[in-house]
C-alpha cells in the first residue's frame, strides 16, 4: 500500500488482519488445502511467537486477530503467506482428483506474472488490511465480524457450528481446531 495506507505501525499491538486468495478463488472448499493453513497457523504459534486471538477460514479468504510476542507481526504474516502459497500450489499440482487444477493454476500464474515480487505464481492477494484493535467495543465488533462471517454467508446458522473458526473457543462449546489466546 502507499504511504498512509494499511500497515502495521504498532508492532506491540493486537491486529485484525484479512487477506484473500487471488481472484477470490474458492480454494478452501477442499480439506487438504484448509489443513495446510491450519498447520501453518499452529506452526507460527509454536515457532514464531504468534499469539492467535481469533480466526476464521472461509472458502477464499481468512480473517485473523493476532499479535506477536517478539514484535514481528509483519514478518510472521510474510512467512505464513509465502509458505502456505508454495505448499498449496504444490498440493494443487499433485492432488489426484483436483478438477479445477488447470483453471486455478492459470489464475495464480497470471497474477504471478503481473507482480514483480513473484517469479511464478501468486496465491494470496498482496495486501493484509491490518487494523490495530483498541478499546473493548472495537475488539468486540471485529470478533463478531469474524465469527459471524460463516453465518452471514449462509454456511451455518450458529457461529460456533462452523469448525474453521475460533467461535467455539469463545462459546460454551469450549475448544476449536486451534488453541487461541482469548482477548
N, C-alpha and C. Protein backbone atom coordinates (compact mmCIF):
# COMPACT_ATOMS: atom_id res chain seq x y z
N UNK A 1 0.84 -1.19 0.00
CA UNK A 1 0.00 0.00 0.00
C UNK A 1 0.88 1.25 0.00
N UNK A 2 0.29 2.33 -0.36
CA UNK A 2 1.01 3.59 -0.38
C UNK A 2 1.20 4.11 1.03
N UNK A 3 1.99 5.16 1.16
CA UNK A 3 2.23 5.79 2.45
C UNK A 3 0.89 6.18 3.06
N UNK A 4 0.68 5.83 4.32
CA UNK A 4 -0.58 6.15 4.98
C UNK A 4 -1.65 5.11 4.76
N UNK A 5 -1.38 4.07 3.98
CA UNK A 5 -2.35 3.01 3.74
C UNK A 5 -2.34 2.00 4.87
N UNK A 6 -2.73 0.80 4.55
CA UNK A 6 -2.80 -0.26 5.55
C UNK A 6 -1.40 -0.76 5.87
N UNK A 7 -0.97 -0.54 7.11
CA UNK A 7 0.34 -1.00 7.56
C UNK A 7 0.26 -1.33 9.03
N UNK A 8 1.14 -2.21 9.48
CA UNK A 8 1.26 -2.49 10.90
C UNK A 8 2.25 -1.48 11.45
N UNK A 9 1.72 -0.51 12.16
CA UNK A 9 2.57 0.55 12.70
C UNK A 9 3.00 0.25 14.14
N UNK A 10 2.09 -0.27 14.95
CA UNK A 10 2.39 -0.61 16.34
C UNK A 10 2.66 -2.11 16.42
N UNK A 11 3.90 -2.47 16.40
CA UNK A 11 4.27 -3.89 16.37
C UNK A 11 3.91 -4.62 17.67
N UNK A 12 3.64 -3.87 18.75
CA UNK A 12 3.21 -4.47 20.01
C UNK A 12 1.70 -4.69 20.05
N UNK A 13 0.97 -4.13 19.10
CA UNK A 13 -0.48 -4.15 19.15
C UNK A 13 -1.11 -5.45 18.71
N UNK A 14 -2.39 -5.54 18.99
CA UNK A 14 -3.22 -6.64 18.50
C UNK A 14 -3.89 -6.15 17.23
N UNK A 15 -3.82 -6.96 16.18
CA UNK A 15 -4.32 -6.53 14.88
C UNK A 15 -5.37 -7.48 14.32
N UNK A 16 -6.33 -6.87 13.64
CA UNK A 16 -7.30 -7.59 12.82
C UNK A 16 -6.72 -7.59 11.41
N UNK A 17 -6.58 -8.79 10.84
CA UNK A 17 -5.96 -8.95 9.52
C UNK A 17 -6.91 -9.74 8.62
N UNK A 18 -7.02 -9.33 7.39
CA UNK A 18 -7.78 -10.09 6.40
C UNK A 18 -6.95 -10.19 5.14
N UNK A 19 -6.85 -11.39 4.58
CA UNK A 19 -6.29 -11.50 3.24
C UNK A 19 -7.00 -12.60 2.48
N UNK A 20 -7.00 -12.44 1.17
CA UNK A 20 -7.80 -13.29 0.30
C UNK A 20 -6.93 -13.94 -0.77
N UNK A 21 -7.47 -15.00 -1.32
CA UNK A 21 -6.84 -15.69 -2.44
C UNK A 21 -6.99 -14.81 -3.68
N UNK A 22 -5.98 -14.80 -4.51
CA UNK A 22 -6.02 -14.07 -5.78
C UNK A 22 -7.30 -14.45 -6.53
N UNK A 23 -7.99 -13.45 -7.04
CA UNK A 23 -9.21 -13.70 -7.81
C UNK A 23 -10.36 -14.26 -6.98
N UNK A 24 -10.20 -14.24 -5.68
CA UNK A 24 -11.21 -14.79 -4.77
C UNK A 24 -11.59 -16.23 -5.14
N UNK A 25 -10.61 -16.99 -5.61
CA UNK A 25 -10.82 -18.39 -5.99
C UNK A 25 -11.16 -19.19 -4.73
N UNK A 26 -12.20 -19.99 -4.80
CA UNK A 26 -12.66 -20.80 -3.67
C UNK A 26 -11.80 -22.04 -3.47
N UNK A 27 -10.56 -21.83 -3.07
CA UNK A 27 -9.61 -22.93 -2.88
C UNK A 27 -9.96 -23.76 -1.66
N UNK A 28 -10.42 -23.10 -0.59
CA UNK A 28 -10.58 -23.79 0.68
C UNK A 28 -11.89 -24.55 0.81
N UNK A 29 -12.44 -24.94 -0.32
CA UNK A 29 -13.57 -25.86 -0.30
C UNK A 29 -13.08 -27.28 -0.09
N UNK A 30 -11.79 -27.51 -0.27
CA UNK A 30 -11.19 -28.83 -0.06
C UNK A 30 -10.41 -28.83 1.26
N UNK A 31 -10.62 -29.89 2.03
CA UNK A 31 -9.98 -30.03 3.34
C UNK A 31 -8.46 -30.03 3.25
N UNK A 32 -7.90 -30.63 2.24
CA UNK A 32 -6.44 -30.73 2.12
C UNK A 32 -5.78 -29.35 2.11
N UNK A 33 -6.42 -28.38 1.48
CA UNK A 33 -5.88 -27.03 1.43
C UNK A 33 -6.12 -26.29 2.75
N UNK A 34 -7.29 -26.52 3.35
CA UNK A 34 -7.56 -25.91 4.67
C UNK A 34 -6.56 -26.41 5.70
N UNK A 35 -6.22 -27.69 5.63
CA UNK A 35 -5.28 -28.27 6.59
C UNK A 35 -3.90 -27.61 6.52
N UNK A 36 -3.48 -27.24 5.33
CA UNK A 36 -2.20 -26.55 5.17
C UNK A 36 -2.22 -25.23 5.95
N UNK A 37 -3.31 -24.49 5.84
CA UNK A 37 -3.45 -23.22 6.55
C UNK A 37 -3.47 -23.46 8.06
N UNK A 38 -4.23 -24.43 8.51
CA UNK A 38 -4.32 -24.69 9.95
C UNK A 38 -2.98 -25.10 10.54
N UNK A 39 -2.29 -26.00 9.86
CA UNK A 39 -0.98 -26.44 10.36
C UNK A 39 0.03 -25.30 10.36
N UNK A 40 -0.07 -24.43 9.38
CA UNK A 40 0.83 -23.27 9.32
C UNK A 40 0.54 -22.27 10.43
N UNK A 41 -0.73 -22.07 10.76
CA UNK A 41 -1.06 -21.20 11.89
C UNK A 41 -0.51 -21.78 13.19
N UNK A 42 -0.68 -23.08 13.37
CA UNK A 42 -0.15 -23.74 14.58
C UNK A 42 1.37 -23.61 14.65
N UNK A 43 2.03 -23.77 13.52
CA UNK A 43 3.48 -23.63 13.47
C UNK A 43 3.90 -22.21 13.87
N UNK A 44 3.21 -21.22 13.34
CA UNK A 44 3.54 -19.83 13.67
C UNK A 44 3.34 -19.54 15.15
N UNK A 45 2.35 -20.17 15.75
CA UNK A 45 2.15 -20.02 17.19
C UNK A 45 3.32 -20.62 17.96
N UNK A 46 3.67 -21.82 17.59
CA UNK A 46 4.68 -22.57 18.35
C UNK A 46 6.11 -22.06 18.10
N UNK A 47 6.43 -21.76 16.84
CA UNK A 47 7.82 -21.48 16.47
C UNK A 47 8.14 -20.01 16.20
N UNK A 48 7.13 -19.19 15.94
CA UNK A 48 7.41 -17.81 15.54
C UNK A 48 6.89 -16.78 16.53
N UNK A 49 6.30 -17.24 17.62
CA UNK A 49 5.84 -16.30 18.64
C UNK A 49 4.54 -15.59 18.32
N UNK A 50 3.72 -16.17 17.43
CA UNK A 50 2.44 -15.55 17.11
C UNK A 50 1.42 -15.89 18.18
N UNK A 51 0.72 -14.89 18.64
CA UNK A 51 -0.42 -15.09 19.54
C UNK A 51 -1.69 -14.95 18.70
N UNK A 52 -2.41 -16.04 18.54
CA UNK A 52 -3.63 -16.04 17.76
C UNK A 52 -4.80 -15.86 18.71
N UNK A 53 -5.58 -14.80 18.50
CA UNK A 53 -6.68 -14.46 19.38
C UNK A 53 -8.03 -14.83 18.78
N UNK A 54 -8.13 -14.85 17.47
CA UNK A 54 -9.36 -15.24 16.79
C UNK A 54 -9.02 -15.48 15.32
N UNK A 55 -9.83 -16.33 14.66
CA UNK A 55 -9.59 -16.63 13.26
C UNK A 55 -10.84 -17.20 12.62
N UNK A 56 -10.90 -17.11 11.31
CA UNK A 56 -11.95 -17.74 10.54
C UNK A 56 -11.44 -17.95 9.11
N UNK A 57 -11.48 -19.19 8.67
CA UNK A 57 -11.04 -19.53 7.31
C UNK A 57 -12.27 -19.79 6.46
N UNK A 58 -12.53 -18.92 5.52
CA UNK A 58 -13.66 -19.06 4.60
C UNK A 58 -13.17 -19.76 3.33
N UNK A 59 -14.00 -19.86 2.33
CA UNK A 59 -13.64 -20.60 1.11
C UNK A 59 -12.54 -19.92 0.30
N UNK A 60 -12.38 -18.60 0.47
CA UNK A 60 -11.40 -17.88 -0.36
C UNK A 60 -10.66 -16.76 0.38
N UNK A 61 -10.83 -16.70 1.68
CA UNK A 61 -10.13 -15.69 2.47
C UNK A 61 -10.03 -16.12 3.93
N UNK A 62 -9.20 -15.39 4.65
CA UNK A 62 -9.01 -15.67 6.07
C UNK A 62 -9.03 -14.38 6.86
N UNK A 63 -9.63 -14.45 8.04
CA UNK A 63 -9.61 -13.35 8.99
C UNK A 63 -8.83 -13.81 10.21
N UNK A 64 -7.99 -12.94 10.73
CA UNK A 64 -7.20 -13.24 11.92
C UNK A 64 -7.21 -12.05 12.86
N UNK A 65 -7.20 -12.34 14.15
CA UNK A 65 -6.85 -11.34 15.15
C UNK A 65 -5.63 -11.91 15.83
N UNK A 66 -4.52 -11.17 15.74
CA UNK A 66 -3.27 -11.71 16.26
C UNK A 66 -2.36 -10.63 16.79
N UNK A 67 -1.39 -11.09 17.51
CA UNK A 67 -0.30 -10.23 17.97
C UNK A 67 0.95 -11.10 17.97
N UNK A 68 2.08 -10.48 18.24
CA UNK A 68 3.34 -11.22 18.22
C UNK A 68 4.10 -10.96 19.50
N UNK A 69 4.59 -12.04 20.07
CA UNK A 69 5.34 -11.92 21.32
C UNK A 69 6.67 -11.22 21.12
N UNK A 70 7.24 -11.35 19.94
CA UNK A 70 8.55 -10.76 19.66
C UNK A 70 8.44 -9.56 18.70
N UNK A 71 7.28 -8.95 18.66
CA UNK A 71 7.07 -7.73 17.87
C UNK A 71 7.39 -7.90 16.38
N UNK A 72 7.06 -9.02 15.81
CA UNK A 72 7.38 -9.26 14.41
C UNK A 72 6.15 -9.71 13.61
N UNK A 73 5.04 -9.07 13.84
CA UNK A 73 3.78 -9.45 13.18
C UNK A 73 3.92 -9.44 11.66
N UNK A 74 4.53 -8.41 11.11
CA UNK A 74 4.69 -8.32 9.65
C UNK A 74 5.51 -9.49 9.10
N UNK A 75 6.59 -9.84 9.79
CA UNK A 75 7.44 -10.93 9.34
C UNK A 75 6.71 -12.27 9.43
N UNK A 76 5.94 -12.46 10.49
CA UNK A 76 5.17 -13.70 10.64
C UNK A 76 4.18 -13.83 9.49
N UNK A 77 3.47 -12.76 9.20
CA UNK A 77 2.49 -12.80 8.10
C UNK A 77 3.16 -13.05 6.76
N UNK A 78 4.29 -12.39 6.53
CA UNK A 78 5.04 -12.59 5.29
C UNK A 78 5.43 -14.06 5.14
N UNK A 79 6.02 -14.63 6.19
CA UNK A 79 6.45 -16.03 6.13
C UNK A 79 5.27 -16.98 5.99
N UNK A 80 4.19 -16.70 6.72
CA UNK A 80 2.98 -17.53 6.63
C UNK A 80 2.43 -17.54 5.21
N UNK A 81 2.31 -16.36 4.62
CA UNK A 81 1.75 -16.28 3.27
C UNK A 81 2.67 -16.95 2.24
N UNK A 82 3.98 -16.75 2.39
CA UNK A 82 4.94 -17.34 1.46
C UNK A 82 4.90 -18.86 1.55
N UNK A 83 4.94 -19.39 2.76
CA UNK A 83 4.95 -20.84 2.95
C UNK A 83 3.64 -21.47 2.47
N UNK A 84 2.50 -20.92 2.90
CA UNK A 84 1.22 -21.52 2.51
C UNK A 84 1.01 -21.42 1.00
N UNK A 85 1.46 -20.33 0.39
CA UNK A 85 1.35 -20.20 -1.07
C UNK A 85 2.04 -21.35 -1.77
N UNK A 86 3.29 -21.58 -1.40
CA UNK A 86 4.06 -22.64 -2.05
C UNK A 86 3.46 -24.01 -1.80
N UNK A 87 3.06 -24.26 -0.56
CA UNK A 87 2.50 -25.56 -0.21
C UNK A 87 1.18 -25.82 -0.93
N UNK A 88 0.32 -24.84 -0.97
CA UNK A 88 -0.98 -25.02 -1.61
C UNK A 88 -0.83 -25.18 -3.11
N UNK A 89 0.03 -24.39 -3.74
CA UNK A 89 0.27 -24.54 -5.19
C UNK A 89 0.79 -25.94 -5.48
N UNK A 90 1.76 -26.42 -4.70
CA UNK A 90 2.29 -27.79 -4.90
C UNK A 90 1.19 -28.82 -4.71
N UNK A 91 0.37 -28.62 -3.72
CA UNK A 91 -0.72 -29.56 -3.45
C UNK A 91 -1.74 -29.56 -4.57
N UNK A 92 -2.05 -28.41 -5.11
CA UNK A 92 -2.98 -28.33 -6.25
C UNK A 92 -2.41 -29.11 -7.42
N UNK A 93 -1.12 -28.94 -7.66
CA UNK A 93 -0.47 -29.64 -8.78
C UNK A 93 -0.51 -31.16 -8.59
N UNK A 94 -0.35 -31.63 -7.35
CA UNK A 94 -0.28 -33.06 -7.06
C UNK A 94 -1.61 -33.72 -6.78
N UNK A 95 -2.61 -32.95 -6.43
CA UNK A 95 -3.89 -33.50 -5.98
C UNK A 95 -4.49 -34.36 -7.10
N UNK A 96 -4.67 -35.66 -6.83
CA UNK A 96 -5.09 -36.58 -7.90
C UNK A 96 -6.48 -36.30 -8.48
N UNK A 97 -7.36 -35.72 -7.68
CA UNK A 97 -8.72 -35.51 -8.20
C UNK A 97 -9.11 -34.03 -8.21
N UNK A 98 -8.13 -33.16 -8.39
CA UNK A 98 -8.42 -31.73 -8.43
C UNK A 98 -8.91 -31.35 -9.81
N UNK A 99 -10.23 -31.26 -9.95
CA UNK A 99 -10.84 -30.97 -11.25
C UNK A 99 -10.60 -29.53 -11.70
N UNK A 100 -10.24 -28.66 -10.77
CA UNK A 100 -10.06 -27.24 -11.09
C UNK A 100 -8.59 -26.88 -11.27
N UNK A 101 -7.70 -27.86 -11.29
CA UNK A 101 -6.25 -27.65 -11.30
C UNK A 101 -5.80 -26.65 -12.36
N UNK A 102 -6.07 -26.93 -13.61
CA UNK A 102 -5.59 -26.07 -14.70
C UNK A 102 -6.15 -24.65 -14.59
N UNK A 103 -7.41 -24.56 -14.28
CA UNK A 103 -8.07 -23.26 -14.15
C UNK A 103 -7.43 -22.43 -13.03
N UNK A 104 -7.25 -23.04 -11.85
CA UNK A 104 -6.67 -22.31 -10.72
C UNK A 104 -5.22 -21.93 -11.00
N UNK A 105 -4.44 -22.85 -11.53
CA UNK A 105 -3.03 -22.56 -11.80
C UNK A 105 -2.87 -21.45 -12.82
N UNK A 106 -3.76 -21.39 -13.82
CA UNK A 106 -3.72 -20.28 -14.79
C UNK A 106 -3.95 -18.94 -14.10
N UNK A 107 -4.91 -18.89 -13.19
CA UNK A 107 -5.21 -17.65 -12.47
C UNK A 107 -4.01 -17.23 -11.61
N UNK A 108 -3.44 -18.19 -10.88
CA UNK A 108 -2.30 -17.88 -10.00
C UNK A 108 -1.05 -17.55 -10.79
N UNK A 109 -0.87 -18.18 -11.93
CA UNK A 109 0.29 -17.88 -12.78
C UNK A 109 0.16 -16.49 -13.40
N UNK A 110 -1.02 -16.16 -13.87
CA UNK A 110 -1.25 -14.84 -14.46
C UNK A 110 -0.99 -13.75 -13.42
N UNK A 111 -1.49 -13.95 -12.21
CA UNK A 111 -1.26 -12.97 -11.14
C UNK A 111 0.22 -12.88 -10.81
N UNK A 112 0.92 -14.00 -10.80
CA UNK A 112 2.35 -14.00 -10.52
C UNK A 112 3.14 -13.27 -11.59
N UNK A 113 2.77 -13.45 -12.84
CA UNK A 113 3.45 -12.78 -13.94
C UNK A 113 3.23 -11.27 -13.92
N UNK A 114 2.10 -10.84 -13.38
CA UNK A 114 1.77 -9.42 -13.33
C UNK A 114 2.36 -8.72 -12.11
N UNK A 115 2.97 -9.49 -11.21
CA UNK A 115 3.51 -8.93 -9.97
C UNK A 115 5.02 -9.14 -9.95
N UNK A 116 5.77 -8.07 -9.94
CA UNK A 116 7.23 -8.17 -9.99
C UNK A 116 7.83 -8.82 -8.75
N UNK A 117 7.06 -8.92 -7.67
CA UNK A 117 7.55 -9.56 -6.44
C UNK A 117 7.53 -11.09 -6.54
N UNK A 118 6.90 -11.63 -7.55
CA UNK A 118 6.78 -13.09 -7.69
C UNK A 118 7.55 -13.58 -8.91
N UNK A 119 7.89 -14.87 -8.85
CA UNK A 119 8.58 -15.44 -10.00
C UNK A 119 7.66 -16.31 -10.84
N UNK A 120 6.77 -17.06 -10.21
CA UNK A 120 5.88 -17.94 -10.98
C UNK A 120 4.41 -17.71 -10.67
N UNK A 121 4.03 -18.04 -9.46
CA UNK A 121 2.62 -17.99 -9.07
C UNK A 121 2.42 -16.99 -7.93
N UNK A 122 1.24 -16.43 -7.89
CA UNK A 122 0.81 -15.65 -6.73
C UNK A 122 -0.47 -16.26 -6.23
N UNK A 123 -0.48 -16.68 -4.98
CA UNK A 123 -1.66 -17.31 -4.39
C UNK A 123 -2.50 -16.32 -3.59
N UNK A 124 -1.86 -15.63 -2.65
CA UNK A 124 -2.56 -14.65 -1.81
C UNK A 124 -2.50 -13.27 -2.46
N UNK A 125 -3.55 -12.50 -2.30
CA UNK A 125 -3.51 -11.10 -2.69
C UNK A 125 -2.44 -10.41 -1.85
N UNK A 126 -1.88 -9.35 -2.38
CA UNK A 126 -0.73 -8.70 -1.77
C UNK A 126 -1.00 -8.10 -0.39
N UNK A 127 -2.12 -7.45 -0.23
CA UNK A 127 -2.36 -6.69 1.00
C UNK A 127 -3.02 -7.53 2.10
N UNK A 128 -2.89 -7.06 3.33
CA UNK A 128 -3.43 -7.74 4.51
C UNK A 128 -4.52 -6.93 5.22
N UNK A 129 -4.63 -5.67 4.90
CA UNK A 129 -5.58 -4.76 5.54
C UNK A 129 -5.52 -4.83 7.06
N UNK A 130 -4.35 -4.65 7.67
CA UNK A 130 -4.28 -4.72 9.14
C UNK A 130 -4.94 -3.51 9.79
N UNK A 131 -5.65 -3.78 10.87
CA UNK A 131 -6.25 -2.72 11.69
C UNK A 131 -5.87 -2.99 13.13
N UNK A 132 -5.24 -2.03 13.76
CA UNK A 132 -4.90 -2.22 15.17
C UNK A 132 -6.18 -2.13 16.00
N UNK A 133 -6.32 -3.08 16.91
CA UNK A 133 -7.52 -3.13 17.75
C UNK A 133 -7.24 -2.40 19.06
N UNK A 134 -8.16 -1.56 19.43
CA UNK A 134 -8.08 -0.80 20.66
C UNK A 134 -9.49 -0.61 21.17
N UNK A 135 -9.68 -0.67 22.43
CA UNK A 135 -10.99 -0.47 23.02
C UNK A 135 -11.88 -1.69 22.91
N UNK A 136 -12.63 -1.93 23.96
CA UNK A 136 -13.48 -3.11 24.04
C UNK A 136 -14.53 -3.17 22.93
N UNK A 137 -15.14 -2.05 22.61
CA UNK A 137 -16.19 -2.02 21.60
C UNK A 137 -15.65 -2.41 20.22
N UNK A 138 -14.50 -1.86 19.85
CA UNK A 138 -13.89 -2.17 18.54
C UNK A 138 -13.46 -3.63 18.48
N UNK A 139 -12.88 -4.14 19.57
CA UNK A 139 -12.45 -5.54 19.62
C UNK A 139 -13.66 -6.46 19.47
N UNK A 140 -14.72 -6.17 20.21
CA UNK A 140 -15.94 -6.99 20.11
C UNK A 140 -16.54 -6.95 18.70
N UNK A 141 -16.51 -5.78 18.08
CA UNK A 141 -17.02 -5.64 16.72
C UNK A 141 -16.27 -6.57 15.77
N UNK A 142 -14.93 -6.60 15.86
CA UNK A 142 -14.13 -7.43 14.97
C UNK A 142 -14.28 -8.92 15.31
N UNK A 143 -14.36 -9.26 16.59
CA UNK A 143 -14.61 -10.66 16.97
C UNK A 143 -15.92 -11.15 16.39
N UNK A 144 -16.97 -10.34 16.54
CA UNK A 144 -18.27 -10.72 16.00
C UNK A 144 -18.24 -10.80 14.48
N UNK A 145 -17.55 -9.86 13.85
CA UNK A 145 -17.44 -9.88 12.39
C UNK A 145 -16.82 -11.20 11.92
N UNK A 146 -15.72 -11.58 12.56
CA UNK A 146 -15.03 -12.83 12.19
C UNK A 146 -15.94 -14.03 12.42
N UNK A 147 -16.50 -14.13 13.60
CA UNK A 147 -17.24 -15.34 13.97
C UNK A 147 -18.59 -15.45 13.27
N UNK A 148 -19.17 -14.33 12.87
CA UNK A 148 -20.46 -14.39 12.18
C UNK A 148 -20.32 -14.36 10.66
N UNK A 149 -19.10 -14.33 10.15
CA UNK A 149 -18.87 -14.38 8.70
C UNK A 149 -19.51 -15.62 8.06
N UNK A 150 -19.33 -16.82 8.62
CA UNK A 150 -19.96 -18.01 8.03
C UNK A 150 -21.49 -18.01 8.17
N UNK A 151 -22.00 -17.35 9.20
CA UNK A 151 -23.45 -17.23 9.36
C UNK A 151 -23.99 -16.33 8.27
N UNK A 152 -23.36 -15.18 8.11
CA UNK A 152 -23.77 -14.22 7.08
C UNK A 152 -23.70 -14.84 5.69
N UNK A 153 -22.70 -15.71 5.47
CA UNK A 153 -22.54 -16.37 4.17
C UNK A 153 -23.52 -17.52 3.96
N UNK A 154 -24.30 -17.85 5.00
CA UNK A 154 -25.29 -18.92 4.87
C UNK A 154 -24.71 -20.32 4.99
N UNK A 155 -23.51 -20.44 5.53
CA UNK A 155 -22.87 -21.75 5.67
C UNK A 155 -23.41 -22.49 6.90
N UNK A 156 -23.59 -21.74 7.99
CA UNK A 156 -24.15 -22.28 9.23
C UNK A 156 -25.16 -21.28 9.78
N UNK A 157 -26.02 -21.76 10.69
CA UNK A 157 -26.97 -20.86 11.33
C UNK A 157 -26.45 -20.30 12.64
N UNK A 158 -25.54 -21.05 13.26
CA UNK A 158 -24.98 -20.66 14.55
C UNK A 158 -23.47 -20.61 14.41
N UNK A 159 -22.86 -19.51 14.85
CA UNK A 159 -21.44 -19.26 14.61
C UNK A 159 -20.55 -20.40 15.08
N UNK A 160 -20.79 -20.95 16.26
CA UNK A 160 -19.88 -21.98 16.76
C UNK A 160 -20.10 -23.35 16.13
N UNK A 161 -21.00 -23.45 15.17
CA UNK A 161 -21.16 -24.68 14.40
C UNK A 161 -20.15 -24.75 13.25
N UNK A 162 -19.53 -23.63 12.93
CA UNK A 162 -18.53 -23.59 11.87
C UNK A 162 -17.19 -23.95 12.49
N UNK A 163 -16.63 -25.09 12.09
CA UNK A 163 -15.42 -25.57 12.78
C UNK A 163 -14.15 -24.85 12.35
N UNK A 164 -14.17 -24.16 11.23
CA UNK A 164 -12.96 -23.48 10.75
C UNK A 164 -12.90 -22.03 11.24
N UNK A 165 -13.16 -21.87 12.52
CA UNK A 165 -13.04 -20.56 13.15
C UNK A 165 -12.83 -20.76 14.65
N UNK A 166 -12.57 -19.67 15.33
CA UNK A 166 -12.37 -19.71 16.78
C UNK A 166 -13.67 -19.47 17.53
N UNK A 167 -14.80 -19.45 16.85
CA UNK A 167 -16.08 -19.20 17.52
C UNK A 167 -16.32 -20.20 18.65
N UNK A 168 -15.93 -21.45 18.45
CA UNK A 168 -16.10 -22.47 19.50
C UNK A 168 -15.25 -22.14 20.72
N UNK A 169 -14.07 -21.60 20.50
CA UNK A 169 -13.19 -21.25 21.62
C UNK A 169 -13.84 -20.18 22.51
N UNK A 170 -14.66 -19.33 21.92
CA UNK A 170 -15.30 -18.25 22.66
C UNK A 170 -16.69 -18.63 23.17
N UNK A 171 -17.21 -19.77 22.77
CA UNK A 171 -18.55 -20.18 23.17
C UNK A 171 -18.49 -21.23 24.28
N UNK A 172 -19.65 -21.68 24.68
CA UNK A 172 -19.72 -22.73 25.69
C UNK A 172 -19.21 -24.06 25.14
N UNK A 173 -19.10 -24.18 23.84
CA UNK A 173 -18.61 -25.42 23.23
C UNK A 173 -17.17 -25.72 23.64
N UNK A 174 -16.42 -24.68 23.97
CA UNK A 174 -15.09 -24.90 24.54
C UNK A 174 -13.92 -24.73 23.63
N UNK A 175 -13.52 -25.77 22.92
CA UNK A 175 -12.29 -25.70 22.14
C UNK A 175 -12.56 -25.90 20.65
N UNK A 176 -11.74 -25.23 19.87
CA UNK A 176 -11.84 -25.35 18.43
C UNK A 176 -10.66 -26.13 17.89
N UNK A 177 -10.44 -26.03 16.60
CA UNK A 177 -9.37 -26.77 15.94
C UNK A 177 -7.98 -26.23 16.29
N UNK A 178 -7.91 -24.97 16.68
CA UNK A 178 -6.64 -24.34 17.03
C UNK A 178 -6.79 -23.67 18.40
N UNK A 179 -5.80 -23.86 19.24
CA UNK A 179 -5.80 -23.16 20.52
C UNK A 179 -5.60 -21.67 20.27
N UNK A 180 -6.28 -20.87 21.04
CA UNK A 180 -6.14 -19.42 20.91
C UNK A 180 -5.89 -18.80 22.28
N UNK A 181 -5.50 -17.54 22.25
CA UNK A 181 -5.37 -16.74 23.45
C UNK A 181 -6.50 -15.72 23.41
N UNK A 182 -7.54 -15.95 24.19
CA UNK A 182 -8.69 -15.04 24.16
C UNK A 182 -8.27 -13.62 24.53
N UNK A 183 -8.96 -12.70 23.90
CA UNK A 183 -8.71 -11.29 24.24
C UNK A 183 -9.60 -10.94 25.41
